Amino acid sequence: MHVSAEPTGDSNTPARRPALRVLPAGTPRTNTVVLLLHGGKIASHEPARGHHLAYLRMVPVARGIHRAGAPAGAAVWLLRNRYRGWNEPVLDAVADARWALEEISTRHPRAQIVLVGHSMGGRVALRVADAERVTGVCALAPWIEDDEPIEHLADRSVLIVHGTADRMTSPTASAAFARRACAVTPAVRNEVVAGSGHAMLRRRGRWDQLVQRFVGSLVPDREERR
């Protein structure tokens, strides 16, 4: 299922529409929605397309989570942003993620939400984890700055995974963020994938295992009750 709509935003460029690919739960009711957020660039108003590698990297991640979680009541939503950029100060990527969270809340008002993001999408996931009913955040090879906020991660489970051979984003920054986040939530893990780079291609099975186990630890055994 595909959904598209217009998020709110203050960008001076012509508005585009983000899109959602929805893989439904395999149960009558959805107790968890896993929202996947793709990577991008620091600044770009080039449209994000379905053939871009940043988006395509998340497709097998989405399918793997869905295969593992759908029988237990988890749906998977893969967001494609309007633009490829993070885009300070407007934060287009953050606005698109918040729009998707509103869509989830409308369709599944009692389901918990787990965020999974790669690269720029990892930063977006960490930033929007303040949303109601978000219980967990998994950031894969995230782009993290020194002043990234942590206070809103209280009571959230957080998993950060980084390859030691990553030359695009910093494993050191991920580890430092995880240490800081421990001040507000005890449920923080920082995992490294030895020899793997930013694209998560080498030792792909290890990446998938970490993500799926994290999501699986948060999906309840029973279906959502309305």
C-alpha atoms as a PDB file:
ATOM      1  CA  MET A   1       0.000   0.000   0.000  1.00  0.00           C
ATOM      2  CA  HIS A   2       1.249   3.477  -0.871  1.00  0.00           C
ATOM      3  CA  VAL A   3       0.173   6.746   0.746  1.00  0.00           C
ATOM      4  CA  SER A   4       1.160  10.292  -0.169  1.00  0.00           C
ATOM      5  CA  ALA A   5       0.143  13.626   1.277  1.00  0.00           C
ATOM      6  CA  GLU A   6       1.432  17.118   1.954  1.00  0.00           C
ATOM      7  CA  PRO A   7       3.272  17.756   5.247  1.00  0.00           C
ATOM      8  CA  THR A   8       3.411  21.150   6.796  1.00  0.00           C
ATOM      9  CA  GLY A   9       6.640  23.077   6.334  1.00  0.00           C
ATOM     10  CA  ASP A  10       8.139  26.512   5.765  1.00  0.00           C
ATOM     11  CA  SER A  11      10.505  25.731   2.914  1.00  0.00           C
ATOM     12  CA  ASN A  12      10.773  28.450   0.268  1.00  0.00           C
ATOM     13  CA  THR A  13      11.039  25.824  -2.450  1.00  0.00           C
ATOM     14  CA  PRO A  14       7.926  24.347  -4.099  1.00  0.00           C
ATOM     15  CA  ALA A  15       6.344  21.734  -1.840  1.00  0.00           C
ATOM     16  CA  ARG A  16       6.501  18.100  -2.860  1.00  0.00           C
ATOM     17  CA  ARG A  17       4.828  15.074  -1.357  1.00  0.00           C
ATOM     18  CA  PRO A  18       6.469  12.431   0.801  1.00  0.00           C
ATOM     19  CA  ALA A  19       5.367   8.854   0.216  1.00  0.00           C
ATOM     20  CA  LEU A  20       4.818   5.829   2.413  1.00  0.00           C
ATOM     21  CA  ARG A  21       5.160   2.174   1.554  1.00  0.00           C
ATOM     22  CA  VAL A  22       3.097   0.178   4.022  1.00  0.00           C
ATOM     23  CA  LEU A  23       3.692  -3.500   4.798  1.00  0.00           C
ATOM     24  CA  PRO A  24       0.747  -4.513   7.004  1.00  0.00           C
ATOM     25  CA  ALA A  25       0.757  -6.608  10.136  1.00  0.00           C
ATOM     26  CA  GLY A  26      -0.108 -10.259   9.733  1.00  0.00           C
ATOM     27  CA  THR A  27      -2.701 -10.102  12.501  1.00  0.00           C
ATOM     28  CA  PRO A  28      -6.191  -8.579  12.621  1.00  0.00           C
ATOM     29  CA  ARG A  29      -4.909  -5.708  14.733  1.00  0.00           C
ATOM     30  CA  THR A  30      -1.637  -3.808  14.638  1.00  0.00           C
ATOM     31  CA  ASN A  31       0.147  -3.432  17.967  1.00  0.00           C
ATOM     32  CA  THR A  32       3.381  -1.916  16.608  1.00  0.00           C
ATOM     33  CA  VAL A  33       4.312   0.253  13.652  1.00  0.00           C
ATOM     34  CA  VAL A  34       7.964   0.332  12.645  1.00  0.00           C
ATOM     35  CA  LEU A  35       8.745   3.528  10.735  1.00  0.00           C
ATOM     36  CA  LEU A  36      11.839   3.389   8.529  1.00  0.00           C
ATOM     37  CA  LEU A  37      13.704   6.571   7.598  1.00  0.00           C
ATOM     38  CA  HIS A  38      16.260   6.708   4.790  1.00  0.00           C
ATOM     39  CA  GLY A  39      19.483   8.648   4.472  1.00  0.00           C
ATOM     40  CA  GLY A  40      20.250  11.746   2.474  1.00  0.00           C
ATOM     41  CA  LYS A  41      22.406  14.849   2.340  1.00  0.00           C
ATOM     42  CA  ILE A  42      23.187  17.778   4.598  1.00  0.00           C
ATOM     43  CA  ALA A  43      21.477  20.218   2.236  1.00  0.00           C
ATOM     44  CA  SER A  44      19.549  19.430  -0.945  1.00  0.00           C
ATOM     45  CA  HIS A  45      16.145  20.238  -2.404  1.00  0.00           C
ATOM     46  CA  GLU A  46      16.557  17.630  -5.091  1.00  0.00           C
ATOM     47  CA  PRO A  47      13.507  15.350  -4.952  1.00  0.00           C
ATOM     48  CA  ALA A  48      14.031  12.037  -3.177  1.00  0.00           C
ATOM     49  CA  ARG A  49      13.318   9.238  -5.643  1.00  0.00           C
ATOM     50  CA  GLY A  50      12.588   5.575  -5.209  1.00  0.00           C
ATOM     51  CA  HIS A  51      15.662   4.618  -7.248  1.00  0.00           C
ATOM     52  CA  HIS A  52      18.109   6.545  -5.059  1.00  0.00           C
ATOM     53  CA  LEU A  53      20.472   4.300  -3.111  1.00  0.00           C
ATOM     54  CA  ALA A  54      19.666   5.987   0.202  1.00  0.00           C
ATOM     55  CA  TYR A  55      16.047   4.824  -0.156  1.00  0.00           C
ATOM     56  CA  LEU A  56      16.848   1.452  -1.716  1.00  0.00           C
ATOM     57  CA  ARG A  57      19.121   0.540   1.209  1.00  0.00           C
ATOM     58  CA  MET A  58      16.093   0.557   3.474  1.00  0.00           C
ATOM     59  CA  VAL A  59      13.923  -1.719   1.322  1.00  0.00           C
ATOM     60  CA  PRO A  60      15.570  -5.015   2.403  1.00  0.00           C
ATOM     61  CA  VAL A  61      15.696  -3.729   5.986  1.00  0.00           C
ATOM     62  CA  ALA A  62      11.935  -3.129   5.832  1.00  0.00           C
ATOM     63  CA  ARG A  63      11.271  -6.558   4.349  1.00  0.00           C
ATOM     64  CA  GLY A  64      13.390  -8.302   6.952  1.00  0.00           C
ATOM     65  CA  ILE A  65      11.667  -6.545   9.844  1.00  0.00           C
ATOM     66  CA  HIS A  66       8.295  -7.317   8.292  1.00  0.00           C
ATOM     67  CA  ARG A  67       9.012 -11.025   7.863  1.00  0.00           C
ATOM     68  CA  ALA A  68      10.088 -11.286  11.479  1.00  0.00           C
ATOM     69  CA  GLY A  69       7.491  -8.996  13.049  1.00  0.00           C
ATOM     70  CA  ALA A  70       4.290  -9.230  11.024  1.00  0.00           C
ATOM     71  CA  PRO A  71       3.115 -12.496  12.623  1.00  0.00           C
ATOM     72  CA  ALA A  72       3.334 -10.811  16.029  1.00  0.00           C
ATOM     73  CA  GLY A  73       1.300  -7.763  14.968  1.00  0.00           C
ATOM     74  CA  ALA A  74       3.936  -5.369  13.607  1.00  0.00           C
ATOM     75  CA  ALA A  75       3.398  -3.276  10.495  1.00  0.00           C
ATOM     76  CA  VAL A  76       6.311  -1.661   8.667  1.00  0.00           C
ATOM     77  CA  TRP A  77       6.087   1.788   7.087  1.00  0.00           C
ATOM     78  CA  LEU A  78       8.891   2.972   4.806  1.00  0.00           C
ATOM     79  CA  LEU A  79       8.951   6.739   4.301  1.00  0.00           C
ATOM     80  CA  ARG A  80      10.320   8.427   1.185  1.00  0.00           C
ATOM     81  CA  ASN A  81      11.017  12.086   1.910  1.00  0.00           C
ATOM     82  CA  ARG A  82      10.142  15.014  -0.301  1.00  0.00           C
ATOM     83  CA  TYR A  83      13.771  16.084  -0.592  1.00  0.00           C
ATOM     84  CA  ARG A  84      17.156  14.455  -0.234  1.00  0.00           C
ATOM     85  CA  GLY A  85      18.385  16.994   2.324  1.00  0.00           C
ATOM     86  CA  TRP A  86      18.214  17.564   6.087  1.00  0.00           C
ATOM     87  CA  ASN A  87      18.035  21.262   5.211  1.00  0.00           C
ATOM     88  CA  GLU A  88      18.763  23.561   8.117  1.00  0.00           C
ATOM     89  CA  PRO A  89      17.015  25.550   9.472  1.00  0.00           C
ATOM     90  CA  VAL A  90      13.706  24.213   8.143  1.00  0.00           C
ATOM     91  CA  LEU A  91      14.573  20.557   8.745  1.00  0.00           C
ATOM     92  CA  ASP A  92      12.553  19.142   5.868  1.00  0.00           C
ATOM     93  CA  ALA A  93      13.482  15.545   6.710  1.00  0.00           C
ATOM     94  CA  VAL A  94      12.285  16.007  10.281  1.00  0.00           C
ATOM     95  CA  ALA A  95       9.020  17.567   9.057  1.00  0.00           C
ATOM     96  CA  ASP A  96       8.393  14.592   6.782  1.00  0.00           C
ATOM     97  CA  ALA A  97       8.998  12.132   9.608  1.00  0.00           C
ATOM     98  CA  ARG A  98       6.619  14.008  11.883  1.00  0.00           C
ATOM     99  CA  TRP A  99       3.988  13.928   9.130  1.00  0.00           C
ATOM    100  CA  ALA A 100       4.424  10.148   8.890  1.00  0.00           C
ATOM    101  CA  LEU A 101       4.070   9.842  12.666  1.00  0.00           C
ATOM    102  CA  GLU A 102       0.789  11.731  12.476  1.00  0.00           C
ATOM    103  CA  GLU A 103      -0.406   9.335   9.772  1.00  0.00           C
ATOM    104  CA  ILE A 104       0.472   6.386  12.003  1.00  0.00           C
ATOM    105  CA  SER A 105      -1.403   7.933  14.919  1.00  0.00           C
ATOM    106  CA  THR A 106      -4.474   8.423  12.745  1.00  0.00           C
ATOM    107  CA  ARG A 107      -4.549   4.867  11.430  1.00  0.00           C
ATOM    108  CA  HIS A 108      -3.287   3.042  14.515  1.00  0.00           C
ATOM    109  CA  PRO A 109      -4.048   5.269  17.515  1.00  0.00           C
ATOM    110  CA  ARG A 110      -3.097   2.640  20.107  1.00  0.00           C
ATOM    111  CA  ALA A 111      -0.093   1.068  18.439  1.00  0.00           C
ATOM    112  CA  GLN A 112       3.394   1.716  19.766  1.00  0.00           C
ATOM    113  CA  ILE A 113       5.962   3.111  17.336  1.00  0.00           C
ATOM    114  CA  VAL A 114       9.534   1.982  16.752  1.00  0.00           C
ATOM    115  CA  LEU A 115      11.837   4.150  14.627  1.00  0.00           C
ATOM    116  CA  VAL A 116      14.610   2.758  12.426  1.00  0.00           C
ATOM    117  CA  GLY A 117      16.802   5.147  10.438  1.00  0.00           C
ATOM    118  CA  HIS A 118      20.014   4.981   8.443  1.00  0.00           C
ATOM    119  CA  SER A 119      22.586   7.779   8.129  1.00  0.00           C
ATOM    120  CA  MET A 120      20.638  11.065   7.974  1.00  0.00           C
ATOM    121  CA  GLY A 121      17.549   8.977   8.734  1.00  0.00           C
ATOM    122  CA  GLY A 122      19.234   7.837  11.929  1.00  0.00           C
ATOM    123  CA  ARG A 123      19.594  11.432  13.014  1.00  0.00           C
ATOM    124  CA  VAL A 124      15.967  12.076  12.085  1.00  0.00           C
ATOM    125  CA  ALA A 125      14.850   9.039  14.091  1.00  0.00           C
ATOM    126  CA  LEU A 126      16.731  10.221  17.163  1.00  0.00           C
ATOM    127  CA  ARG A 127      15.318  13.737  16.762  1.00  0.00           C
ATOM    128  CA  VAL A 128      11.628  12.733  16.434  1.00  0.00           C
ATOM    129  CA  ALA A 129      11.736  10.146  19.225  1.00  0.00           C
ATOM    130  CA  ASP A 130       9.900  12.676  21.386  1.00  0.00           C
ATOM    131  CA  ALA A 131       6.670  11.746  19.601  1.00  0.00           C
ATOM    132  CA  GLU A 132       3.930  10.130  21.656  1.00  0.00           C
ATOM    133  CA  ARG A 133       3.965   6.321  21.724  1.00  0.00           C
ATOM    134  CA  VAL A 134       7.514   6.006  20.414  1.00  0.00           C
ATOM    135  CA  THR A 135       9.078   3.265  22.528  1.00  0.00           C
ATOM    136  CA  GLY A 136      12.311   2.557  20.674  1.00  0.00           C
ATOM    137  CA  VAL A 137      14.837   4.038  18.254  1.00  0.00           C
ATOM    138  CA  CYS A 138      17.369   2.156  16.148  1.00  0.00           C
ATOM    139  CA  ALA A 139      19.952   4.376  14.418  1.00  0.00           C
ATOM    140  CA  LEU A 140      22.083   2.640  11.781  1.00  0.00           C
ATOM    141  CA  ALA A 141      25.358   4.373  10.904  1.00  0.00           C
ATOM    142  CA  PRO A 142      23.764   7.646  11.999  1.00  0.00           C
ATOM    143  CA  TRP A 143      24.940  11.148  11.216  1.00  0.00           C
ATOM    144  CA  ILE A 144      25.273  12.659  14.687  1.00  0.00           C
ATOM    145  CA  GLU A 145      26.490  16.108  15.702  1.00  0.00           C
ATOM    146  CA  ASP A 146      28.021  16.965  19.076  1.00  0.00           C
ATOM    147  CA  ASP A 147      25.030  19.040  20.165  1.00  0.00           C
ATOM    148  CA  GLU A 148      22.382  16.443  19.345  1.00  0.00           C
ATOM    149  CA  PRO A 149      19.686  16.588  22.075  1.00  0.00           C
ATOM    150  CA  ILE A 150      19.165  13.598  24.364  1.00  0.00           C
ATOM    151  CA  GLU A 151      16.619  14.659  27.001  1.00  0.00           C
ATOM    152  CA  HIS A 152      13.609  13.455  25.014  1.00  0.00           C
ATOM    153  CA  LEU A 153      15.002   9.901  24.873  1.00  0.00           C
ATOM    154  CA  ALA A 154      14.001   9.272  28.494  1.00  0.00           C
ATOM    155  CA  ASP A 155      12.026   6.011  28.780  1.00  0.00           C
ATOM    156  CA  ARG A 156      12.939   5.019  25.204  1.00  0.00           C
ATOM    157  CA  SER A 157      15.007   2.017  24.200  1.00  0.00           C
ATOM    158  CA  VAL A 158      17.887   3.074  21.957  1.00  0.00           C
ATOM    159  CA  LEU A 159      20.131   0.978  19.724  1.00  0.00           C
ATOM    160  CA  ILE A 160      22.947   2.556  17.738  1.00  0.00           C
ATOM    161  CA  VAL A 161      24.858   0.414  15.244  1.00  0.00           C
ATOM    162  CA  HIS A 162      27.942   1.561  13.350  1.00  0.00           C
ATOM    163  CA  GLY A 163      30.467  -0.146  11.112  1.00  0.00           C
ATOM    164  CA  THR A 164      34.092   0.310  12.061  1.00  0.00           C
ATOM    165  CA  ALA A 165      35.040   0.997   8.417  1.00  0.00           C
ATOM    166  CA  ASP A 166      32.478   3.773   7.934  1.00  0.00           C
ATOM    167  CA  ARG A 167      34.031   6.820   6.245  1.00  0.00           C
ATOM    168  CA  MET A 168      30.802   8.788   5.757  1.00  0.00           C
ATOM    169  CA  THR A 169      29.591   9.087   9.338  1.00  0.00           C
ATOM    170  CA  SER A 170      31.485   8.670  12.576  1.00  0.00           C
ATOM    171  CA  PRO A 171      31.487   5.540  14.768  1.00  0.00           C
ATOM    172  CA  THR A 172      33.212   7.657  17.423  1.00  0.00           C
ATOM    173  CA  ALA A 173      30.356  10.171  17.407  1.00  0.00           C
ATOM    174  CA  SER A 174      27.842   7.332  17.753  1.00  0.00           C
ATOM    175  CA  ALA A 175      29.667   5.931  20.767  1.00  0.00           C
ATOM    176  CA  ALA A 176      29.876   9.373  22.374  1.00  0.00           C
ATOM    177  CA  PHE A 177      26.166   9.964  21.821  1.00  0.00           C
ATOM    178  CA  ALA A 178      25.325   6.598  23.384  1.00  0.00           C
ATOM    179  CA  ARG A 179      27.381   7.481  26.464  1.00  0.00           C
ATOM    180  CA  ARG A 180      25.571  10.813  26.813  1.00  0.00           C
ATOM    181  CA  ALA A 181      22.158   9.187  26.304  1.00  0.00           C
ATOM    182  CA  CYS A 182      22.820   6.841  29.217  1.00  0.00           C
ATOM    183  CA  ALA A 183      22.228   9.855  31.462  1.00  0.00           C
ATOM    184  CA  VAL A 184      18.529   9.902  30.535  1.00  0.00           C
ATOM    185  CA  THR A 185      17.706   6.272  29.735  1.00  0.00           C
ATOM    186  CA  PRO A 186      19.364   3.051  30.884  1.00  0.00           C
ATOM    187  CA  ALA A 187      18.147   1.203  27.777  1.00  0.00           C
ATOM    188  CA  VAL A 188      20.945   2.304  25.434  1.00  0.00           C
ATOM    189  CA  ARG A 189      23.193   0.002  23.438  1.00  0.00           C
ATOM    190  CA  ASN A 190      25.979   0.902  21.050  1.00  0.00           C
ATOM    191  CA  GLU A 191      26.990  -1.954  18.740  1.00  0.00           C
ATOM    192  CA  VAL A 192      29.791  -2.046  16.204  1.00  0.00           C
ATOM    193  CA  VAL A 193      30.000  -4.181  13.081  1.00  0.00           C
ATOM    194  CA  ALA A 194      33.672  -4.898  12.502  1.00  0.00           C
ATOM    195  CA  GLY A 195      34.931  -4.107   9.013  1.00  0.00           C
ATOM    196  CA  SER A 196      31.598  -2.877   7.685  1.00  0.00           C
ATOM    197  CA  GLY A 197      31.144   0.467   5.943  1.00  0.00           C
ATOM    198  CA  HIS A 198      28.395   3.016   5.599  1.00  0.00           C
ATOM    199  CA  ALA A 199      26.334   1.078   3.055  1.00  0.00           C
ATOM    200  CA  MET A 200      25.869  -1.863   5.482  1.00  0.00           C
ATOM    201  CA  LEU A 201      26.810  -4.329   2.737  1.00  0.00           C
ATOM    202  CA  ARG A 202      29.648  -6.173   4.421  1.00  0.00           C
ATOM    203  CA  ARG A 203      28.387  -8.488   7.173  1.00  0.00           C
ATOM    204  CA  ARG A 204      24.833  -7.637   6.170  1.00  0.00           C
ATOM    205  CA  GLY A 205      23.472 -10.526   8.204  1.00  0.00           C
ATOM    206  CA  ARG A 206      24.835  -8.987  11.384  1.00  0.00           C
ATOM    207  CA  TRP A 207      23.106  -5.670  10.676  1.00  0.00           C
ATOM    208  CA  ASP A 208      19.809  -7.453  10.018  1.00  0.00           C
ATOM    209  CA  GLN A 209      20.174  -9.570  13.138  1.00  0.00           C
ATOM    210  CA  LEU A 210      20.738  -6.563  15.381  1.00  0.00           C
ATOM    211  CA  VAL A 211      17.814  -4.605  13.939  1.00  0.00           C
ATOM    212  CA  GLN A 212      15.361  -7.473  13.983  1.00  0.00           C
ATOM    213  CA  ARG A 213      16.255  -8.539  17.514  1.00  0.00           C
ATOM    214  CA  PHE A 214      15.868  -4.964  18.742  1.00  0.00           C
ATOM    215  CA  VAL A 215      12.466  -4.533  17.116  1.00  0.00           C
ATOM    216  CA  GLY A 216      11.389  -7.995  18.234  1.00  0.00           C
ATOM    217  CA  SER A 217      12.242  -7.181  21.836  1.00  0.00           C
ATOM    218  CA  LEU A 218       9.728  -4.332  21.732  1.00  0.00           C
ATOM    219  CA  VAL A 219       6.837  -6.014  19.898  1.00  0.00           C
ATOM    220  CA  PRO A 220       4.299  -7.325  22.439  1.00  0.00           C
ATOM    221  CA  ASP A 221       3.165 -10.930  22.355  1.00  0.00           C
ATOM    222  CA  ARG A 222      -0.498 -10.019  22.160  1.00  0.00           C
ATOM    223  CA  GLU A 223      -2.390  -8.088  19.544  1.00  0.00           C
ATOM    224  CA  GLU A 224      -3.379  -4.483  20.020  1.00  0.00           C
ATOM    225  CA  ARG A 225      -6.550  -4.108  22.057  1.00  0.00           C
ATOM    226  CA  ARG A 226      -8.906  -1.299  21.127  1.00  0.00           C
END
